C-alpha cells in the first residue's frame, strides 16, 4: 500500500495522524488507533488472505480500513492492476 498521488500521511505529536491531499487540499484526521493501522498498512501492506484472526493488529481491521482508504482515494493498493 502507498499513499495516492499528492497525499501525505503525517503523525501528530499529540497522537493520531492526518492525511492531506496537496492537490485538492482535502484533509482527514484520525485518532491513534486508526493512525497505527494506517502506518501498518503503509509499511507492511494489506494482510494476506487467511491471515491469523488473532494477529496484532487484527487482519480484519486492517483489511476494512485499507479498503475504505483505497475507495476514498487516500491510499493505493499495489496489488491492484
PDB file of N, CA and C in Angstrom:
ATOM      1  N   UNK A   1       0.852  -1.166   0.000  1.00  0.00           N
ATOM      2  CA  UNK A   1       0.000   0.000   0.000  1.00  0.00           C
ATOM      3  C   UNK A   1       0.900   1.230   0.000  1.00  0.00           C
ATOM      4  N   UNK A   2       0.381   2.271  -0.603  1.00  0.00           N
ATOM      5  CA  UNK A   2       1.090   3.551  -0.603  1.00  0.00           C
ATOM      6  C   UNK A   2       0.061   4.666  -0.674  1.00  0.00           C
ATOM      7  N   UNK A   3       0.512   5.871  -0.348  1.00  0.00           N
ATOM      8  CA  UNK A   3      -0.416   6.995  -0.446  1.00  0.00           C
ATOM      9  C   UNK A   3      -0.697   7.289  -1.908  1.00  0.00           C
ATOM     10  N   UNK A   4      -1.872   7.806  -2.168  1.00  0.00           N
ATOM     11  CA  UNK A   4      -2.248   8.192  -3.520  1.00  0.00           C
ATOM     12  C   UNK A   4      -1.409   9.411  -3.939  1.00  0.00           C
ATOM     13  N   UNK A   5      -1.303   9.686  -5.238  1.00  0.00           N
ATOM     14  CA  UNK A   5      -0.538  10.854  -5.680  1.00  0.00           C
ATOM     15  C   UNK A   5      -1.040  12.134  -5.012  1.00  0.00           C
ATOM     16  N   UNK A   6      -0.113  12.910  -4.478  1.00  0.00           N
ATOM     17  CA  UNK A   6      -0.457  14.167  -3.831  1.00  0.00           C
ATOM     18  C   UNK A   6      -0.860  14.052  -2.375  1.00  0.00           C
ATOM     19  N   UNK A   7      -0.958  12.825  -1.856  1.00  0.00           N
ATOM     20  CA  UNK A   7      -1.405  12.609  -0.476  1.00  0.00           C
ATOM     21  C   UNK A   7      -0.198  12.415   0.443  1.00  0.00           C
ATOM     22  N   UNK A   8      -0.263  13.047   1.598  1.00  0.00           N
ATOM     23  CA  UNK A   8       0.776  12.924   2.615  1.00  0.00           C
ATOM     24  C   UNK A   8       0.150  12.412   3.909  1.00  0.00           C
ATOM     25  N   UNK A   9       0.819  11.457   4.542  1.00  0.00           N
ATOM     26  CA  UNK A   9       0.396  10.925   5.838  1.00  0.00           C
ATOM     27  C   UNK A   9       1.359  11.478   6.880  1.00  0.00           C
ATOM     28  N   UNK A  10       0.830  12.161   7.894  1.00  0.00           N
ATOM     29  CA  UNK A  10       1.672  12.773   8.921  1.00  0.00           C
ATOM     30  C   UNK A  10       1.159  12.396  10.302  1.00  0.00           C
ATOM     31  N   UNK A  11       2.065  11.819  11.108  1.00  0.00           N
ATOM     32  CA  UNK A  11       1.736  11.533  12.501  1.00  0.00           C
ATOM     33  C   UNK A  11       1.743  12.841  13.280  1.00  0.00           C
ATOM     34  N   UNK A  12       0.836  12.981  14.228  1.00  0.00           N
ATOM     35  CA  UNK A  12       0.743  14.184  15.046  1.00  0.00           C
ATOM     36  C   UNK A  12       1.413  13.946  16.399  1.00  0.00           C
ATOM     37  N   UNK A  13       2.081  14.973  16.949  1.00  0.00           N
ATOM     38  CA  UNK A  13       2.799  14.796  18.208  1.00  0.00           C
ATOM     39  C   UNK A  13       1.902  14.402  19.382  1.00  0.00           C
ATOM     40  N   UNK A  14       0.665  14.841  19.379  1.00  0.00           N
ATOM     41  CA  UNK A  14      -0.236  14.512  20.481  1.00  0.00           C
ATOM     42  C   UNK A  14      -0.953  13.184  20.265  1.00  0.00           C
ATOM     43  N   UNK A  15      -0.633  12.485  19.186  1.00  0.00           N
ATOM     44  CA  UNK A  15      -1.260  11.211  18.848  1.00  0.00           C
ATOM     45  C   UNK A  15      -2.174  11.377  17.655  1.00  0.00           C
ATOM     46  N   UNK A  16      -2.406  10.313  16.953  1.00  0.00           N
ATOM     47  CA  UNK A  16      -3.227  10.368  15.754  1.00  0.00           C
ATOM     48  C   UNK A  16      -2.399  10.786  14.552  1.00  0.00           C
ATOM     49  N   UNK A  17      -3.096  11.133  13.488  1.00  0.00           N
ATOM     50  CA  UNK A  17      -2.424  11.493  12.246  1.00  0.00           C
ATOM     51  C   UNK A  17      -3.388  12.256  11.347  1.00  0.00           C
ATOM     52  N   UNK A  18      -2.837  12.835  10.298  1.00  0.00           N
ATOM     53  CA  UNK A  18      -3.648  13.458   9.263  1.00  0.00           C
ATOM     54  C   UNK A  18      -3.211  12.931   7.910  1.00  0.00           C
ATOM     55  N   UNK A  19      -4.176  12.827   7.022  1.00  0.00           N
ATOM     56  CA  UNK A  19      -3.924  12.581   5.606  1.00  0.00           C
ATOM     57  C   UNK A  19      -4.318  13.862   4.898  1.00  0.00           C
ATOM     58  N   UNK A  20      -3.409  14.396   4.097  1.00  0.00           N
ATOM     59  CA  UNK A  20      -3.668  15.646   3.383  1.00  0.00           C
ATOM     60  C   UNK A  20      -3.416  15.421   1.902  1.00  0.00           C
ATOM     61  N   UNK A  21      -4.381  15.840   1.086  1.00  0.00           N
ATOM     62  CA  UNK A  21      -4.205  15.806  -0.357  1.00  0.00           C
ATOM     63  C   UNK A  21      -3.774  17.199  -0.791  1.00  0.00           C
ATOM     64  N   UNK A  22      -2.519  17.342  -1.194  1.00  0.00           N
ATOM     65  CA  UNK A  22      -1.978  18.641  -1.570  1.00  0.00           C
ATOM     66  C   UNK A  22      -2.574  19.195  -2.845  1.00  0.00           C
ATOM     67  N   UNK A  23      -3.195  18.362  -3.659  1.00  0.00           N
ATOM     68  CA  UNK A  23      -3.802  18.821  -4.900  1.00  0.00           C
ATOM     69  C   UNK A  23      -5.180  19.417  -4.653  1.00  0.00           C
ATOM     70  N   UNK A  24      -5.994  18.704  -3.873  1.00  0.00           N
ATOM     71  CA  UNK A  24      -7.368  19.155  -3.644  1.00  0.00           C
ATOM     72  C   UNK A  24      -7.525  19.908  -2.324  1.00  0.00           C
ATOM     73  N   UNK A  25      -6.497  19.863  -1.483  1.00  0.00           N
ATOM     74  CA  UNK A  25      -6.495  20.446  -0.143  1.00  0.00           C
ATOM     75  C   UNK A  25      -7.483  19.754   0.798  1.00  0.00           C
ATOM     76  N   UNK A  26      -7.911  18.546   0.428  1.00  0.00           N
ATOM     77  CA  UNK A  26      -8.752  17.753   1.333  1.00  0.00           C
ATOM     78  C   UNK A  26      -7.892  17.258   2.483  1.00  0.00           C
ATOM     79  N   UNK A  27      -8.500  17.114   3.652  1.00  0.00           N
ATOM     80  CA  UNK A  27      -7.774  16.653   4.822  1.00  0.00           C
ATOM     81  C   UNK A  27      -8.694  15.781   5.658  1.00  0.00           C
ATOM     82  N   UNK A  28      -8.116  14.754   6.251  1.00  0.00           N
ATOM     83  CA  UNK A  28      -8.861  13.943   7.209  1.00  0.00           C
ATOM     84  C   UNK A  28      -7.943  13.644   8.378  1.00  0.00           C
ATOM     85  N   UNK A  29      -8.502  13.724   9.562  1.00  0.00           N
ATOM     86  CA  UNK A  29      -7.738  13.466  10.781  1.00  0.00           C
ATOM     87  C   UNK A  29      -8.236  12.170  11.393  1.00  0.00           C
ATOM     88  N   UNK A  30      -7.340  11.418  11.980  1.00  0.00           N
ATOM     89  CA  UNK A  30      -7.745  10.174  12.623  1.00  0.00           C
ATOM     90  C   UNK A  30      -7.077  10.061  13.985  1.00  0.00           C
ATOM     91  N   UNK A  31      -7.704   9.275  14.838  1.00  0.00           N
ATOM     92  CA  UNK A  31      -7.168   9.044  16.169  1.00  0.00           C
ATOM     93  C   UNK A  31      -6.013   8.061  16.145  1.00  0.00           C
ATOM     94  N   UNK A  32      -5.442   7.828  17.287  1.00  0.00           N
ATOM     95  CA  UNK A  32      -4.266   6.963  17.392  1.00  0.00           C
ATOM     96  C   UNK A  32      -4.516   5.538  16.915  1.00  0.00           C
ATOM     97  N   UNK A  33      -5.650   4.917  17.252  1.00  0.00           N
ATOM     98  CA  UNK A  33      -5.845   3.539  16.772  1.00  0.00           C
ATOM     99  C   UNK A  33      -5.829   3.439  15.242  1.00  0.00           C
ATOM    100  N   UNK A  34      -6.514   4.365  14.565  1.00  0.00           N
ATOM    101  CA  UNK A  34      -6.538   4.354  13.103  1.00  0.00           C
ATOM    102  C   UNK A  34      -5.175   4.722  12.533  1.00  0.00           C
ATOM    103  N   UNK A  35      -4.482   5.668  13.161  1.00  0.00           N
ATOM    104  CA  UNK A  35      -3.148   6.070  12.698  1.00  0.00           C
ATOM    105  C   UNK A  35      -2.191   4.884  12.734  1.00  0.00           C
ATOM    106  N   UNK A  36      -2.272   4.086  13.786  1.00  0.00           N
ATOM    107  CA  UNK A  36      -1.406   2.904  13.891  1.00  0.00           C
ATOM    108  C   UNK A  36      -1.723   1.908  12.782  1.00  0.00           C
ATOM    109  N   UNK A  37      -3.014   1.739  12.467  1.00  0.00           N
ATOM    110  CA  UNK A  37      -3.393   0.833  11.384  1.00  0.00           C
ATOM    111  C   UNK A  37      -2.899   1.351  10.034  1.00  0.00           C
ATOM    112  N   UNK A  38      -3.049   2.655   9.785  1.00  0.00           N
ATOM    113  CA  UNK A  38      -2.589   3.235   8.517  1.00  0.00           C
ATOM    114  C   UNK A  38      -1.082   3.077   8.390  1.00  0.00           C
ATOM    115  N   UNK A  39      -0.363   3.354   9.469  1.00  0.00           N
ATOM    116  CA  UNK A  39       1.094   3.207   9.438  1.00  0.00           C
ATOM    117  C   UNK A  39       1.473   1.758   9.124  1.00  0.00           C
ATOM    118  N   UNK A  40       0.752   0.821   9.712  1.00  0.00           N
ATOM    119  CA  UNK A  40       0.994  -0.596   9.438  1.00  0.00           C
ATOM    120  C   UNK A  40       0.725  -0.904   7.964  1.00  0.00           C
ATOM    121  N   UNK A  41      -0.374  -0.393   7.429  1.00  0.00           N
ATOM    122  CA  UNK A  41      -0.694  -0.623   6.013  1.00  0.00           C
ATOM    123  C   UNK A  41       0.391  -0.061   5.098  1.00  0.00           C
ATOM    124  N   UNK A  42       0.894   1.121   5.433  1.00  0.00           N
ATOM    125  CA  UNK A  42       1.909   1.751   4.585  1.00  0.00           C
ATOM    126  C   UNK A  42       3.266   1.061   4.681  1.00  0.00           C
ATOM    127  N   UNK A  43       3.575   0.484   5.817  1.00  0.00           N
ATOM    128  CA  UNK A  43       4.882  -0.156   5.970  1.00  0.00           C
ATOM    129  C   UNK A  43       4.875  -1.648   5.639  1.00  0.00           C
ATOM    130  N   UNK A  44       3.730  -2.306   5.861  1.00  0.00           N
ATOM    131  CA  UNK A  44       3.681  -3.760   5.650  1.00  0.00           C
ATOM    132  C   UNK A  44       2.642  -4.215   4.650  1.00  0.00           C
ATOM    133  N   UNK A  45       1.747  -3.325   4.244  1.00  0.00           N
ATOM    134  CA  UNK A  45       0.723  -3.682   3.270  1.00  0.00           C
ATOM    135  C   UNK A  45      -0.467  -4.386   3.892  1.00  0.00           C
ATOM    136  N   UNK A  46      -1.369  -4.784   3.021  1.00  0.00           N
ATOM    137  CA  UNK A  46      -2.579  -5.489   3.449  1.00  0.00           C
ATOM    138  C   UNK A  46      -2.200  -6.892   3.896  1.00  0.00           C
ATOM    139  N   UNK A  47      -2.898  -7.420   4.881  1.00  0.00           N
ATOM    140  CA  UNK A  47      -2.623  -8.793   5.314  1.00  0.00           C
ATOM    141  C   UNK A  47      -3.027  -9.782   4.224  1.00  0.00           C
ATOM    142  N   UNK A  48      -2.321 -10.872   4.170  1.00  0.00           N
ATOM    143  CA  UNK A  48      -2.629 -11.910   3.186  1.00  0.00           C
ATOM    144  C   UNK A  48      -3.969 -12.546   3.511  1.00  0.00           C
ATOM    145  N   UNK A  49      -4.676 -13.001   2.468  1.00  0.00           N
ATOM    146  CA  UNK A  49      -5.926 -13.730   2.738  1.00  0.00           C
ATOM    147  C   UNK A  49      -5.626 -14.921   3.650  1.00  0.00           C
ATOM    148  N   UNK A  50      -6.472 -15.133   4.604  1.00  0.00           N
ATOM    149  CA  UNK A  50      -6.276 -16.229   5.530  1.00  0.00           C
ATOM    150  C   UNK A  50      -5.318 -15.901   6.660  1.00  0.00           C
ATOM    151  N   UNK A  51      -4.958 -14.626   6.800  1.00  0.00           N
ATOM    152  CA  UNK A  51      -4.078 -14.236   7.902  1.00  0.00           C
ATOM    153  C   UNK A  51      -4.755 -14.548   9.223  1.00  0.00           C
ATOM    154  N   UNK A  52      -3.958 -14.827  10.214  1.00  0.00           N
ATOM    155  CA  UNK A  52      -4.481 -15.216  11.528  1.00  0.00           C
ATOM    156  C   UNK A  52      -5.445 -14.168  12.067  1.00  0.00           C
ATOM    157  N   UNK A  53      -6.585 -14.619  12.518  1.00  0.00           N
ATOM    158  CA  UNK A  53      -7.610 -13.718  13.049  1.00  0.00           C
ATOM    159  C   UNK A  53      -7.151 -13.029  14.326  1.00  0.00           C
ATOM    160  N   UNK A  54      -6.216 -13.658  15.044  1.00  0.00           N
ATOM    161  CA  UNK A  54      -5.747 -13.075  16.301  1.00  0.00           C
ATOM    162  C   UNK A  54      -4.447 -12.289  16.129  1.00  0.00           C
ATOM    163  N   UNK A  55      -4.097 -11.961  14.897  1.00  0.00           N
ATOM    164  CA  UNK A  55      -2.883 -11.181  14.642  1.00  0.00           C
ATOM    165  C   UNK A  55      -3.022  -9.792  15.255  1.00  0.00           C
ATOM    166  N   UNK A  56      -1.891  -9.167  15.526  1.00  0.00           N
ATOM    167  CA  UNK A  56      -1.890  -7.805  16.065  1.00  0.00           C
ATOM    168  C   UNK A  56      -1.133  -6.930  15.087  1.00  0.00           C
ATOM    169  N   UNK A  57      -1.745  -5.897  14.516  1.00  0.00           N
ATOM    170  CA  UNK A  57      -3.168  -5.561  14.629  1.00  0.00           C
ATOM    171  C   UNK A  57      -4.045  -6.574  13.895  1.00  0.00           C
ATOM    172  N   UNK A  58      -5.322  -6.627  14.238  1.00  0.00           N
ATOM    173  CA  UNK A  58      -6.226  -7.614  13.634  1.00  0.00           C
ATOM    174  C   UNK A  58      -6.313  -7.467  12.116  1.00  0.00           C
ATOM    175  N   UNK A  59      -6.183  -8.590  11.423  1.00  0.00           N
ATOM    176  CA  UNK A  59      -6.211  -8.591   9.964  1.00  0.00           C
ATOM    177  C   UNK A  59      -7.519  -8.009   9.428  1.00  0.00           C
ATOM    178  N   UNK A  60      -8.636  -8.324  10.069  1.00  0.00           N
ATOM    179  CA  UNK A  60      -9.934  -7.825   9.605  1.00  0.00           C
ATOM    180  C   UNK A  60      -9.995  -6.304   9.692  1.00  0.00           C
ATOM    181  N   UNK A  61      -9.466  -5.733  10.764  1.00  0.00           N
ATOM    182  CA  UNK A  61      -9.460  -4.272  10.910  1.00  0.00           C
ATOM    183  C   UNK A  61      -8.572  -3.623   9.864  1.00  0.00           C
ATOM    184  N   UNK A  62      -7.419  -4.233   9.588  1.00  0.00           N
ATOM    185  CA  UNK A  62      -6.526  -3.702   8.550  1.00  0.00           C
ATOM    186  C   UNK A  62      -7.195  -3.733   7.175  1.00  0.00           C
ATOM    187  N   UNK A  63      -7.807  -4.885   6.858  1.00  0.00           N
ATOM    188  CA  UNK A  63      -8.477  -5.001   5.555  1.00  0.00           C
ATOM    189  C   UNK A  63      -9.600  -3.976   5.413  1.00  0.00           C
ATOM    190  N   UNK A  64     -10.412  -3.856   6.465  1.00  0.00           N
ATOM    191  CA  UNK A  64     -11.558  -2.943   6.423  1.00  0.00           C
ATOM    192  C   UNK A  64     -11.094  -1.497   6.215  1.00  0.00           C
ATOM    193  N   UNK A  65     -10.157  -1.044   7.029  1.00  0.00           N
ATOM    194  CA  UNK A  65      -9.675   0.335   6.898  1.00  0.00           C
ATOM    195  C   UNK A  65      -8.950   0.533   5.575  1.00  0.00           C
ATOM    196  N   UNK A  66      -8.130  -0.437   5.178  1.00  0.00           N
ATOM    197  CA  UNK A  66      -7.423  -0.328   3.911  1.00  0.00           C
ATOM    198  C   UNK A  66      -8.364  -0.186   2.732  1.00  0.00           C
ATOM    199  N   UNK A  67      -9.417  -0.988   2.701  1.00  0.00           N
ATOM    200  CA  UNK A  67     -10.397  -0.908   1.621  1.00  0.00           C
ATOM    201  C   UNK A  67     -11.107   0.444   1.624  1.00  0.00           C
ATOM    202  N   UNK A  68     -11.455   0.938   2.808  1.00  0.00           N
ATOM    203  CA  UNK A  68     -12.111   2.247   2.894  1.00  0.00           C
ATOM    204  C   UNK A  68     -11.200   3.361   2.367  1.00  0.00           C
ATOM    205  N   UNK A  69      -9.917   3.316   2.740  1.00  0.00           N
ATOM    206  CA  UNK A  69      -8.991   4.367   2.311  1.00  0.00           C
ATOM    207  C   UNK A  69      -8.680   4.293   0.816  1.00  0.00           C
ATOM    208  N   UNK A  70      -8.675   3.098   0.256  1.00  0.00           N
ATOM    209  CA  UNK A  70      -8.485   2.956  -1.192  1.00  0.00           C
ATOM    210  C   UNK A  70      -9.715   3.486  -1.921  1.00  0.00           C
ATOM    211  N   UNK A  71     -10.902   3.089  -1.469  1.00  0.00           N
ATOM    212  CA  UNK A  71     -12.144   3.539  -2.109  1.00  0.00           C
ATOM    213  C   UNK A  71     -12.316   5.048  -2.046  1.00  0.00           C
ATOM    214  N   UNK A  72     -11.844   5.665  -0.963  1.00  0.00           N
ATOM    215  CA  UNK A  72     -11.996   7.116  -0.833  1.00  0.00           C
ATOM    216  C   UNK A  72     -10.844   7.895  -1.450  1.00  0.00           C
ATOM    217  N   UNK A  73      -9.865   7.186  -2.013  1.00  0.00           N
ATOM    218  CA  UNK A  73      -8.800   7.855  -2.757  1.00  0.00           C
ATOM    219  C   UNK A  73      -7.587   8.284  -1.960  1.00  0.00           C
ATOM    220  N   UNK A  74      -7.502   7.896  -0.683  1.00  0.00           N
ATOM    221  CA  UNK A  74      -6.345   8.282   0.126  1.00  0.00           C
ATOM    222  C   UNK A  74      -5.149   7.375  -0.086  1.00  0.00           C
ATOM    223  N   UNK A  75      -5.401   6.088  -0.277  1.00  0.00           N
ATOM    224  CA  UNK A  75      -4.321   5.114  -0.473  1.00  0.00           C
ATOM    225  C   UNK A  75      -4.495   4.358  -1.778  1.00  0.00           C
ATOM    226  N   UNK A  76      -3.410   3.780  -2.253  1.00  0.00           N
ATOM    227  CA  UNK A  76      -3.443   2.915  -3.430  1.00  0.00           C
ATOM    228  C   UNK A  76      -2.987   1.527  -2.999  1.00  0.00           C
ATOM    229  N   UNK A  77      -3.669   0.534  -3.518  1.00  0.00           N
ATOM    230  CA  UNK A  77      -3.306  -0.860  -3.223  1.00  0.00           C
ATOM    231  C   UNK A  77      -2.383  -1.323  -4.336  1.00  0.00           C
ATOM    232  N   UNK A  78      -1.128  -1.583  -4.014  1.00  0.00           N
ATOM    233  CA  UNK A  78      -0.150  -2.009  -5.013  1.00  0.00           C
ATOM    234  C   UNK A  78      -0.491  -3.342  -5.638  1.00  0.00           C
ATOM    235  N   UNK A  79      -1.378  -4.093  -5.008  1.00  0.00           N
ATOM    236  CA  UNK A  79      -1.746  -5.413  -5.550  1.00  0.00           C
ATOM    237  C   UNK A  79      -2.763  -5.288  -6.678  1.00  0.00           C
ATOM    238  N   UNK A  80      -3.434  -4.155  -6.781  1.00  0.00           N
ATOM    239  CA  UNK A  80      -4.458  -3.979  -7.826  1.00  0.00           C
ATOM    240  C   UNK A  80      -3.783  -3.590  -9.131  1.00  0.00           C
ATOM    241  N   UNK A  81      -4.317  -4.093 -10.259  1.00  0.00           N
ATOM    242  CA  UNK A  81      -3.716  -3.737 -11.571  1.00  0.00           C
ATOM    243  C   UNK A  81      -3.926  -2.292 -11.933  1.00  0.00           C
TER     244      UNK A  81
END
